[in-house]
Amino acid sequence: MQSSWPAENILLGLLCERPMHGYEIAQVVRSDEALHAIWRIERSEIYFLLGKLTKGGLIMERAAEQAGGPVRVIYAPTEAGRALFRQWLQTPEAKPRNLRTALLARVYMALRHDPVIAVELIDAQKRVLEEWLVREGQLHSENEVVALVHRLRRAQVAATLAALDDLRALALSRWQASANEA
């Protein structure tokens, strides 16, 4: 199973940090200000995606917990789920239209797991976007609206490249801080 939604990969990433039940995942998503700013996942979507990830063999039901309340199933990633999550973290977005959600989700999850991966992802994403800008810069249209559309896309990608420089600086500072702790 190829997990394509950023939300699926976010859930995989959270479960790679530690096994959790659905309600706990919802609490983490709701209370994490940065994650909430990037992606809004409703509790109903979490349970839907947990079922989808389980059916796809990316997570498994590890145990059930009941402490005076309803039975809560604890989910954990399978090796296939861990491998898919690592692959997702290291894969830059090919299309600029997916940058706001998918790329930010990737970078944030990479920062949570390993700042080195975040730096490598950002560098790879910058290469992809720089190549895209070169190709896009070769497009010319006599139609004023089409020309404006292309100019707007180039401006958005240029702004993203500048933001990636800031994200890279953040990732480097976290990498250095984690190296100093070790």
N, C-alpha and C. Protein backbone atom coordinates (compact mmCIF):
# COMPACT_ATOMS: atom_id res chain seq x y z
N MET A 1 0.85 -1.19 0.00
CA MET A 1 0.00 0.00 0.00
C MET A 1 0.88 1.23 0.00
N GLN A 2 0.58 2.15 -0.90
CA GLN A 2 1.29 3.41 -0.95
C GLN A 2 0.44 4.44 -0.21
N SER A 3 0.98 5.01 0.85
CA SER A 3 0.26 6.01 1.64
C SER A 3 0.52 7.37 1.02
N SER A 4 -0.52 7.98 0.46
CA SER A 4 -0.31 9.21 -0.28
C SER A 4 -0.77 10.46 0.47
N TRP A 5 -1.72 10.36 1.34
CA TRP A 5 -2.21 11.53 2.05
C TRP A 5 -1.18 11.95 3.10
N PRO A 6 -0.91 13.24 3.23
CA PRO A 6 -0.03 13.66 4.33
C PRO A 6 -0.55 13.19 5.69
N ALA A 7 -1.87 13.19 5.86
CA ALA A 7 -2.44 12.79 7.15
C ALA A 7 -2.07 11.35 7.50
N GLU A 8 -2.08 10.46 6.52
CA GLU A 8 -1.70 9.07 6.77
C GLU A 8 -0.26 9.00 7.26
N ASN A 9 0.60 9.76 6.62
CA ASN A 9 2.00 9.74 6.99
C ASN A 9 2.26 10.41 8.33
N ILE A 10 1.47 11.43 8.63
CA ILE A 10 1.57 12.06 9.95
C ILE A 10 1.22 11.04 11.03
N LEU A 11 0.13 10.30 10.81
CA LEU A 11 -0.25 9.27 11.80
C LEU A 11 0.84 8.21 11.91
N LEU A 12 1.37 7.77 10.77
CA LEU A 12 2.47 6.79 10.81
C LEU A 12 3.64 7.34 11.62
N GLY A 13 3.98 8.59 11.38
CA GLY A 13 5.09 9.20 12.10
C GLY A 13 4.87 9.28 13.59
N LEU A 14 3.66 9.66 13.97
CA LEU A 14 3.35 9.73 15.40
C LEU A 14 3.45 8.34 16.03
N LEU A 15 2.97 7.33 15.31
CA LEU A 15 3.04 5.96 15.84
C LEU A 15 4.46 5.41 15.83
N CYS A 16 5.32 5.93 14.93
CA CYS A 16 6.73 5.54 14.97
C CYS A 16 7.43 6.10 16.21
N GLU A 17 6.90 7.21 16.73
CA GLU A 17 7.45 7.77 17.97
C GLU A 17 7.11 6.89 19.16
N ARG A 18 5.85 6.41 19.20
CA ARG A 18 5.42 5.51 20.26
C ARG A 18 4.03 4.97 19.92
N PRO A 19 3.74 3.76 20.31
CA PRO A 19 2.40 3.22 20.08
C PRO A 19 1.37 4.05 20.86
N MET A 20 0.19 4.23 20.26
CA MET A 20 -0.87 5.03 20.88
C MET A 20 -2.23 4.49 20.44
N HIS A 21 -3.25 4.90 21.18
CA HIS A 21 -4.62 4.62 20.75
C HIS A 21 -5.15 5.84 20.01
N GLY A 22 -6.26 5.68 19.31
CA GLY A 22 -6.79 6.75 18.47
C GLY A 22 -7.07 8.04 19.20
N TYR A 23 -7.67 7.96 20.36
CA TYR A 23 -7.99 9.18 21.11
C TYR A 23 -6.71 9.91 21.52
N GLU A 24 -5.70 9.17 21.88
CA GLU A 24 -4.41 9.77 22.26
C GLU A 24 -3.79 10.49 21.06
N ILE A 25 -3.87 9.87 19.88
CA ILE A 25 -3.36 10.52 18.67
C ILE A 25 -4.11 11.83 18.44
N ALA A 26 -5.43 11.79 18.59
CA ALA A 26 -6.23 13.01 18.41
C ALA A 26 -5.79 14.10 19.38
N GLN A 27 -5.48 13.73 20.62
CA GLN A 27 -5.02 14.71 21.61
C GLN A 27 -3.68 15.30 21.21
N VAL A 28 -2.76 14.46 20.72
CA VAL A 28 -1.45 14.94 20.28
C VAL A 28 -1.62 15.92 19.13
N VAL A 29 -2.44 15.54 18.15
CA VAL A 29 -2.66 16.41 16.99
C VAL A 29 -3.28 17.73 17.41
N ARG A 30 -4.25 17.68 18.29
CA ARG A 30 -4.94 18.90 18.72
C ARG A 30 -4.04 19.79 19.57
N SER A 31 -3.17 19.21 20.37
CA SER A 31 -2.36 20.01 21.29
C SER A 31 -1.03 20.49 20.70
N ASP A 32 -0.63 19.94 19.56
CA ASP A 32 0.63 20.33 18.93
C ASP A 32 0.37 21.54 18.03
N GLU A 33 0.76 22.71 18.49
CA GLU A 33 0.46 23.95 17.78
C GLU A 33 1.01 23.96 16.35
N ALA A 34 2.24 23.51 16.18
CA ALA A 34 2.84 23.52 14.84
C ALA A 34 2.12 22.54 13.92
N LEU A 35 1.87 21.35 14.40
CA LEU A 35 1.18 20.35 13.59
C LEU A 35 -0.22 20.82 13.23
N HIS A 36 -0.89 21.43 14.18
CA HIS A 36 -2.25 21.94 13.95
C HIS A 36 -2.25 23.06 12.90
N ALA A 37 -1.19 23.86 12.88
CA ALA A 37 -1.09 24.94 11.89
C ALA A 37 -0.87 24.39 10.48
N ILE A 38 -0.20 23.25 10.39
CA ILE A 38 0.10 22.65 9.10
C ILE A 38 -1.07 21.84 8.57
N TRP A 39 -1.66 21.03 9.43
CA TRP A 39 -2.66 20.07 8.98
C TRP A 39 -3.71 19.90 10.06
N ARG A 40 -4.95 20.00 9.69
CA ARG A 40 -6.05 19.79 10.63
C ARG A 40 -6.64 18.41 10.37
N ILE A 41 -6.56 17.57 11.36
CA ILE A 41 -7.08 16.22 11.25
C ILE A 41 -8.17 16.06 12.30
N GLU A 42 -9.37 15.80 11.87
CA GLU A 42 -10.47 15.58 12.80
C GLU A 42 -10.38 14.18 13.38
N ARG A 43 -10.95 14.00 14.55
CA ARG A 43 -10.90 12.70 15.22
C ARG A 43 -11.52 11.60 14.34
N SER A 44 -12.62 11.91 13.67
CA SER A 44 -13.25 10.91 12.80
C SER A 44 -12.30 10.50 11.67
N GLU A 45 -11.53 11.45 11.14
CA GLU A 45 -10.57 11.14 10.08
C GLU A 45 -9.44 10.26 10.63
N ILE A 46 -9.04 10.51 11.86
CA ILE A 46 -7.99 9.69 12.48
C ILE A 46 -8.43 8.24 12.53
N TYR A 47 -9.64 7.99 13.00
CA TYR A 47 -10.12 6.61 13.10
C TYR A 47 -10.28 5.97 11.72
N PHE A 48 -10.75 6.75 10.75
CA PHE A 48 -10.84 6.24 9.38
C PHE A 48 -9.46 5.84 8.87
N LEU A 49 -8.47 6.74 9.07
CA LEU A 49 -7.12 6.47 8.58
C LEU A 49 -6.44 5.33 9.33
N LEU A 50 -6.72 5.19 10.62
CA LEU A 50 -6.18 4.05 11.37
C LEU A 50 -6.68 2.74 10.76
N GLY A 51 -7.96 2.70 10.40
CA GLY A 51 -8.50 1.51 9.75
C GLY A 51 -7.85 1.26 8.41
N LYS A 52 -7.67 2.30 7.63
CA LYS A 52 -7.03 2.18 6.32
C LYS A 52 -5.58 1.71 6.45
N LEU A 53 -4.85 2.30 7.39
CA LEU A 53 -3.45 1.91 7.59
C LEU A 53 -3.34 0.47 8.09
N THR A 54 -4.29 0.05 8.92
CA THR A 54 -4.30 -1.33 9.42
C THR A 54 -4.56 -2.29 8.27
N LYS A 55 -5.57 -2.00 7.47
CA LYS A 55 -5.90 -2.86 6.32
C LYS A 55 -4.75 -2.93 5.33
N GLY A 56 -4.01 -1.84 5.21
CA GLY A 56 -2.87 -1.79 4.30
C GLY A 56 -1.61 -2.43 4.85
N GLY A 57 -1.65 -2.92 6.08
CA GLY A 57 -0.49 -3.57 6.66
C GLY A 57 0.59 -2.62 7.14
N LEU A 58 0.26 -1.33 7.30
CA LEU A 58 1.26 -0.36 7.73
C LEU A 58 1.28 -0.17 9.24
N ILE A 59 0.17 -0.47 9.89
CA ILE A 59 0.13 -0.48 11.35
C ILE A 59 -0.61 -1.73 11.80
N MET A 60 -0.44 -2.06 13.08
CA MET A 60 -1.13 -3.23 13.62
C MET A 60 -1.71 -2.87 14.98
N GLU A 61 -2.73 -3.62 15.34
CA GLU A 61 -3.29 -3.48 16.68
C GLU A 61 -2.39 -4.27 17.60
N ARG A 62 -1.77 -3.58 18.52
CA ARG A 62 -0.78 -4.23 19.38
C ARG A 62 -1.37 -4.72 20.68
N ALA A 63 -2.29 -3.99 21.21
CA ALA A 63 -2.87 -4.36 22.50
C ALA A 63 -4.14 -3.56 22.70
N ALA A 64 -4.87 -3.94 23.70
CA ALA A 64 -6.06 -3.16 24.07
C ALA A 64 -5.90 -2.76 25.53
N GLU A 65 -6.37 -1.58 25.83
CA GLU A 65 -6.21 -1.06 27.19
C GLU A 65 -7.60 -0.64 27.68
N GLN A 66 -7.87 -0.98 28.93
CA GLN A 66 -9.14 -0.57 29.53
C GLN A 66 -8.89 -0.27 31.00
N ALA A 67 -9.01 0.99 31.34
CA ALA A 67 -8.81 1.39 32.72
C ALA A 67 -10.05 2.13 33.19
N GLY A 68 -11.10 1.38 33.40
CA GLY A 68 -12.33 1.97 33.89
C GLY A 68 -13.13 2.70 32.81
N GLY A 69 -12.67 2.67 31.58
CA GLY A 69 -13.38 3.33 30.49
C GLY A 69 -13.55 2.36 29.34
N PRO A 70 -13.78 2.91 28.17
CA PRO A 70 -13.95 2.03 27.01
C PRO A 70 -12.63 1.35 26.63
N VAL A 71 -12.75 0.21 25.98
CA VAL A 71 -11.55 -0.49 25.50
C VAL A 71 -10.90 0.37 24.42
N ARG A 72 -9.62 0.59 24.55
CA ARG A 72 -8.88 1.38 23.58
C ARG A 72 -7.81 0.51 22.94
N VAL A 73 -7.86 0.45 21.63
CA VAL A 73 -6.90 -0.34 20.86
C VAL A 73 -5.63 0.48 20.70
N ILE A 74 -4.50 -0.14 21.01
CA ILE A 74 -3.20 0.51 20.85
C ILE A 74 -2.65 0.12 19.48
N TYR A 75 -2.24 1.12 18.71
CA TYR A 75 -1.71 0.89 17.37
C TYR A 75 -0.20 1.13 17.37
N ALA A 76 0.49 0.32 16.56
CA ALA A 76 1.93 0.46 16.39
C ALA A 76 2.26 0.22 14.92
N PRO A 77 3.31 0.85 14.42
CA PRO A 77 3.66 0.64 13.01
C PRO A 77 4.27 -0.74 12.79
N THR A 78 4.03 -1.28 11.61
CA THR A 78 4.72 -2.50 11.19
C THR A 78 6.07 -2.07 10.59
N GLU A 79 6.90 -3.02 10.27
CA GLU A 79 8.17 -2.68 9.60
C GLU A 79 7.89 -2.01 8.25
N ALA A 80 6.86 -2.50 7.55
CA ALA A 80 6.50 -1.88 6.28
C ALA A 80 6.05 -0.43 6.50
N GLY A 81 5.32 -0.18 7.57
CA GLY A 81 4.89 1.17 7.90
C GLY A 81 6.06 2.08 8.22
N ARG A 82 7.01 1.55 9.00
CA ARG A 82 8.21 2.34 9.33
C ARG A 82 9.00 2.66 8.07
N ALA A 83 9.15 1.68 7.20
CA ALA A 83 9.90 1.89 5.96
C ALA A 83 9.21 2.92 5.06
N LEU A 84 7.90 2.83 4.95
CA LEU A 84 7.16 3.78 4.13
C LEU A 84 7.27 5.19 4.71
N PHE A 85 7.20 5.30 6.03
CA PHE A 85 7.33 6.61 6.66
C PHE A 85 8.72 7.20 6.40
N ARG A 86 9.77 6.39 6.55
CA ARG A 86 11.13 6.88 6.28
C ARG A 86 11.26 7.33 4.83
N GLN A 87 10.69 6.56 3.91
CA GLN A 87 10.74 6.93 2.49
C GLN A 87 10.02 8.25 2.26
N TRP A 88 8.85 8.40 2.86
CA TRP A 88 8.08 9.63 2.71
C TRP A 88 8.86 10.83 3.23
N LEU A 89 9.52 10.67 4.39
CA LEU A 89 10.30 11.76 4.96
C LEU A 89 11.42 12.23 4.04
N GLN A 90 11.93 11.33 3.24
CA GLN A 90 13.10 11.64 2.42
C GLN A 90 12.75 12.02 0.99
N THR A 91 11.47 12.08 0.66
CA THR A 91 11.05 12.33 -0.71
C THR A 91 10.52 13.75 -0.86
N PRO A 92 11.18 14.57 -1.67
CA PRO A 92 10.67 15.94 -1.87
C PRO A 92 9.39 15.93 -2.69
N GLU A 93 8.63 16.99 -2.57
CA GLU A 93 7.39 17.14 -3.34
C GLU A 93 7.74 17.50 -4.78
N ALA A 94 7.14 16.81 -5.71
CA ALA A 94 7.41 17.07 -7.12
C ALA A 94 6.63 18.27 -7.64
N LYS A 95 5.46 18.51 -7.07
CA LYS A 95 4.58 19.57 -7.58
C LYS A 95 4.46 20.72 -6.58
N PRO A 96 4.72 21.93 -7.03
CA PRO A 96 4.61 23.08 -6.13
C PRO A 96 3.24 23.22 -5.46
N ARG A 97 2.18 22.75 -6.08
CA ARG A 97 0.84 22.92 -5.48
C ARG A 97 0.70 22.16 -4.17
N ASN A 98 1.57 21.17 -3.91
CA ASN A 98 1.49 20.38 -2.68
C ASN A 98 2.41 20.88 -1.57
N LEU A 99 3.07 21.99 -1.80
CA LEU A 99 4.09 22.43 -0.85
C LEU A 99 3.53 22.83 0.51
N ARG A 100 2.41 23.56 0.53
CA ARG A 100 1.93 24.09 1.79
C ARG A 100 1.59 22.99 2.79
N THR A 101 0.96 21.95 2.34
CA THR A 101 0.57 20.90 3.30
C THR A 101 1.57 19.75 3.33
N ALA A 102 1.79 19.13 2.20
CA ALA A 102 2.62 17.92 2.19
C ALA A 102 4.07 18.19 2.58
N LEU A 103 4.66 19.23 2.01
CA LEU A 103 6.07 19.51 2.35
C LEU A 103 6.22 19.95 3.79
N LEU A 104 5.36 20.87 4.23
CA LEU A 104 5.47 21.32 5.62
C LEU A 104 5.25 20.15 6.60
N ALA A 105 4.33 19.27 6.28
CA ALA A 105 4.12 18.10 7.13
C ALA A 105 5.37 17.23 7.16
N ARG A 106 5.98 17.02 6.00
CA ARG A 106 7.22 16.21 5.94
C ARG A 106 8.33 16.84 6.77
N VAL A 107 8.56 18.12 6.54
CA VAL A 107 9.65 18.79 7.26
C VAL A 107 9.40 18.75 8.76
N TYR A 108 8.18 19.04 9.16
CA TYR A 108 7.88 19.04 10.59
C TYR A 108 8.07 17.65 11.20
N MET A 109 7.58 16.63 10.52
CA MET A 109 7.75 15.27 11.05
C MET A 109 9.22 14.87 11.04
N ALA A 110 9.97 15.32 10.03
CA ALA A 110 11.41 15.04 10.02
C ALA A 110 12.10 15.73 11.19
N LEU A 111 11.70 16.95 11.50
CA LEU A 111 12.27 17.65 12.65
C LEU A 111 11.97 16.90 13.95
N ARG A 112 10.78 16.32 14.05
CA ARG A 112 10.42 15.55 15.25
C ARG A 112 11.25 14.28 15.37
N HIS A 113 11.60 13.68 14.23
CA HIS A 113 12.27 12.38 14.25
C HIS A 113 13.79 12.50 14.16
N ASP A 114 14.28 13.33 13.24
CA ASP A 114 15.72 13.43 13.04
C ASP A 114 16.03 14.69 12.23
N PRO A 115 16.59 15.72 12.85
CA PRO A 115 16.88 16.96 12.13
C PRO A 115 17.80 16.76 10.93
N VAL A 116 18.64 15.73 10.93
CA VAL A 116 19.51 15.46 9.78
C VAL A 116 18.65 15.15 8.55
N ILE A 117 17.61 14.34 8.76
CA ILE A 117 16.71 14.02 7.65
C ILE A 117 16.01 15.29 7.17
N ALA A 118 15.65 16.17 8.08
CA ALA A 118 15.00 17.42 7.70
C ALA A 118 15.92 18.26 6.81
N VAL A 119 17.19 18.37 7.18
CA VAL A 119 18.15 19.13 6.37
C VAL A 119 18.27 18.51 4.99
N GLU A 120 18.40 17.19 4.93
CA GLU A 120 18.54 16.50 3.64
C GLU A 120 17.28 16.67 2.79
N LEU A 121 16.12 16.58 3.41
CA LEU A 121 14.86 16.77 2.69
C LEU A 121 14.77 18.19 2.14
N ILE A 122 15.09 19.17 2.95
CA ILE A 122 15.02 20.56 2.51
C ILE A 122 15.98 20.80 1.35
N ASP A 123 17.19 20.27 1.44
CA ASP A 123 18.15 20.44 0.34
C ASP A 123 17.63 19.79 -0.94
N ALA A 124 17.05 18.59 -0.83
CA ALA A 124 16.49 17.91 -2.00
C ALA A 124 15.31 18.70 -2.57
N GLN A 125 14.47 19.23 -1.67
CA GLN A 125 13.32 20.01 -2.14
C GLN A 125 13.76 21.28 -2.85
N LYS A 126 14.79 21.91 -2.34
CA LYS A 126 15.30 23.12 -2.99
C LYS A 126 15.79 22.81 -4.40
N ARG A 127 16.47 21.67 -4.57
CA ARG A 127 16.94 21.29 -5.91
C ARG A 127 15.75 21.09 -6.86
N VAL A 128 14.72 20.40 -6.37
CA VAL A 128 13.53 20.16 -7.20
C VAL A 128 12.89 21.48 -7.61
N LEU A 129 12.74 22.40 -6.66
CA LEU A 129 12.09 23.68 -6.96
C LEU A 129 12.95 24.56 -7.86
N GLU A 130 14.25 24.53 -7.68
CA GLU A 130 15.13 25.31 -8.55
C GLU A 130 15.04 24.80 -9.99
N GLU A 131 14.99 23.48 -10.16
CA GLU A 131 14.83 22.91 -11.50
C GLU A 131 13.46 23.28 -12.07
N TRP A 132 12.44 23.28 -11.24
CA TRP A 132 11.10 23.65 -11.68
C TRP A 132 11.08 25.10 -12.15
N LEU A 133 11.76 25.98 -11.40
CA LEU A 133 11.81 27.39 -11.79
C LEU A 133 12.47 27.58 -13.15
N VAL A 134 13.52 26.83 -13.40
CA VAL A 134 14.19 26.92 -14.70
C VAL A 134 13.21 26.51 -15.81
N ARG A 135 12.53 25.37 -15.62
CA ARG A 135 11.56 24.92 -16.63
C ARG A 135 10.42 25.92 -16.79
N GLU A 136 9.89 26.40 -15.69
CA GLU A 136 8.78 27.34 -15.72
C GLU A 136 9.21 28.66 -16.36
N GLY A 137 10.45 29.07 -16.14
CA GLY A 137 10.95 30.31 -16.73
C GLY A 137 11.06 30.25 -18.24
N GLN A 138 11.06 29.06 -18.78
CA GLN A 138 11.14 28.90 -20.24
C GLN A 138 9.77 28.98 -20.90
N LEU A 139 8.71 29.00 -20.09
CA LEU A 139 7.35 29.07 -20.64
C LEU A 139 6.99 30.53 -20.91
N HIS A 140 6.50 30.78 -22.09
CA HIS A 140 6.06 32.13 -22.44
C HIS A 140 4.70 32.03 -23.11
N SER A 141 3.87 32.99 -22.83
CA SER A 141 2.54 33.01 -23.42
C SER A 141 2.18 34.43 -23.83
N GLU A 142 1.52 34.53 -24.95
CA GLU A 142 1.01 35.82 -25.40
C GLU A 142 -0.27 36.19 -24.64
N ASN A 143 -0.93 35.19 -24.08
CA ASN A 143 -2.15 35.41 -23.33
C ASN A 143 -1.78 36.06 -22.00
N GLU A 144 -2.33 37.23 -21.71
CA GLU A 144 -1.97 37.97 -20.49
C GLU A 144 -2.31 37.21 -19.22
N VAL A 145 -3.44 36.54 -19.22
CA VAL A 145 -3.85 35.79 -18.02
C VAL A 145 -2.90 34.62 -17.78
N VAL A 146 -2.58 33.89 -18.83
CA VAL A 146 -1.66 32.76 -18.70
C VAL A 146 -0.29 33.25 -18.25
N ALA A 147 0.16 34.35 -18.80
CA ALA A 147 1.46 34.91 -18.40
C ALA A 147 1.44 35.29 -16.92
N LEU A 148 0.32 35.87 -16.46
CA LEU A 148 0.18 36.20 -15.03
C LEU A 148 0.19 34.96 -14.16
N VAL A 149 -0.48 33.91 -14.59
CA VAL A 149 -0.51 32.65 -13.84
C VAL A 149 0.92 32.13 -13.68
N HIS A 150 1.68 32.11 -14.76
CA HIS A 150 3.06 31.62 -14.68
C HIS A 150 3.92 32.49 -13.77
N ARG A 151 3.72 33.81 -13.85
CA ARG A 151 4.48 34.72 -12.99
C ARG A 151 4.13 34.50 -11.52
N LEU A 152 2.85 34.31 -11.23
CA LEU A 152 2.41 34.04 -9.86
C LEU A 152 3.02 32.73 -9.35
N ARG A 153 2.98 31.69 -10.15
CA ARG A 153 3.58 30.41 -9.73
C ARG A 153 5.07 30.57 -9.43
N ARG A 154 5.78 31.28 -10.30
CA ARG A 154 7.21 31.48 -10.07
C ARG A 154 7.45 32.26 -8.77
N ALA A 155 6.61 33.27 -8.52
CA ALA A 155 6.76 34.06 -7.28
C ALA A 155 6.49 33.20 -6.05
N GLN A 156 5.48 32.32 -6.12
CA GLN A 156 5.18 31.44 -4.98
C GLN A 156 6.33 30.48 -4.72
N VAL A 157 6.90 29.93 -5.79
CA VAL A 157 8.02 29.01 -5.61
C VAL A 157 9.25 29.75 -5.10
N ALA A 158 9.49 30.95 -5.58
CA ALA A 158 10.61 31.74 -5.07
C ALA A 158 10.43 32.03 -3.58
N ALA A 159 9.21 32.36 -3.18
CA ALA A 159 8.94 32.60 -1.75
C ALA A 159 9.14 31.32 -0.94
N THR A 160 8.75 30.20 -1.51
CA THR A 160 8.95 28.92 -0.83
C THR A 160 10.43 28.63 -0.65
N LEU A 161 11.23 28.91 -1.67
CA LEU A 161 12.67 28.70 -1.56
C LEU A 161 13.26 29.54 -0.43
N ALA A 162 12.80 30.77 -0.29
CA ALA A 162 13.28 31.62 0.82
C ALA A 162 12.85 31.04 2.16
N ALA A 163 11.62 30.56 2.24
CA ALA A 163 11.14 29.94 3.49
C ALA A 163 11.91 28.67 3.79
N LEU A 164 12.28 27.93 2.76
CA LEU A 164 13.08 26.71 2.97
C LEU A 164 14.44 27.03 3.55
N ASP A 165 15.00 28.18 3.18
CA ASP A 165 16.27 28.60 3.80
C ASP A 165 16.09 28.78 5.31
N ASP A 166 14.96 29.39 5.70
CA ASP A 166 14.68 29.58 7.12
C ASP A 166 14.44 28.23 7.82
N LEU A 167 13.71 27.34 7.16
CA LEU A 167 13.49 26.00 7.73
C LEU A 167 14.79 25.24 7.86
N ARG A 168 15.67 25.40 6.88
CA ARG A 168 16.97 24.72 6.93
C ARG A 168 17.78 25.23 8.12
N ALA A 169 17.76 26.53 8.35
CA ALA A 169 18.48 27.10 9.51
C ALA A 169 17.91 26.52 10.81
N LEU A 170 16.59 26.39 10.90
CA LEU A 170 15.97 25.80 12.08
C LEU A 170 16.40 24.34 12.24
N ALA A 171 16.38 23.59 11.14
CA ALA A 171 16.78 22.18 11.21
C ALA A 171 18.25 22.04 11.61
N LEU A 172 19.10 22.91 11.08
CA LEU A 172 20.52 22.87 11.46
C LEU A 172 20.70 23.18 12.94
N SER A 173 19.96 24.15 13.46
CA SER A 173 20.10 24.47 14.88
C SER A 173 19.63 23.30 15.74
N ARG A 174 18.56 22.62 15.33
CA ARG A 174 18.10 21.44 16.10
C ARG A 174 19.10 20.30 15.97
N TRP A 175 19.71 20.16 14.81
CA TRP A 175 20.72 19.12 14.60
C TRP A 175 21.91 19.38 15.52
N GLN A 176 22.38 20.62 15.57
CA GLN A 176 23.50 20.96 16.43
C GLN A 176 23.14 20.79 17.89
N ALA A 177 21.93 21.15 18.27
CA ALA A 177 21.51 20.98 19.66
C ALA A 177 21.45 19.50 20.03
N SER A 178 20.96 18.66 19.13
CA SER A 178 20.90 17.22 19.43
C SER A 178 22.31 16.62 19.48
N ALA A 179 23.24 17.15 18.65
CA ALA A 179 24.62 16.66 18.70
C ALA A 179 25.29 17.07 20.01
N ASN A 180 24.97 18.25 20.52
CA ASN A 180 25.54 18.72 21.78
C ASN A 180 25.01 17.91 22.96
N GLU A 181 23.75 17.42 22.85
CA GLU A 181 23.17 16.62 23.93
C GLU A 181 23.77 15.22 23.98
N ALA A 182 24.24 14.75 22.83
CA ALA A 182 24.74 13.36 22.74
C ALA A 182 26.11 13.20 23.28
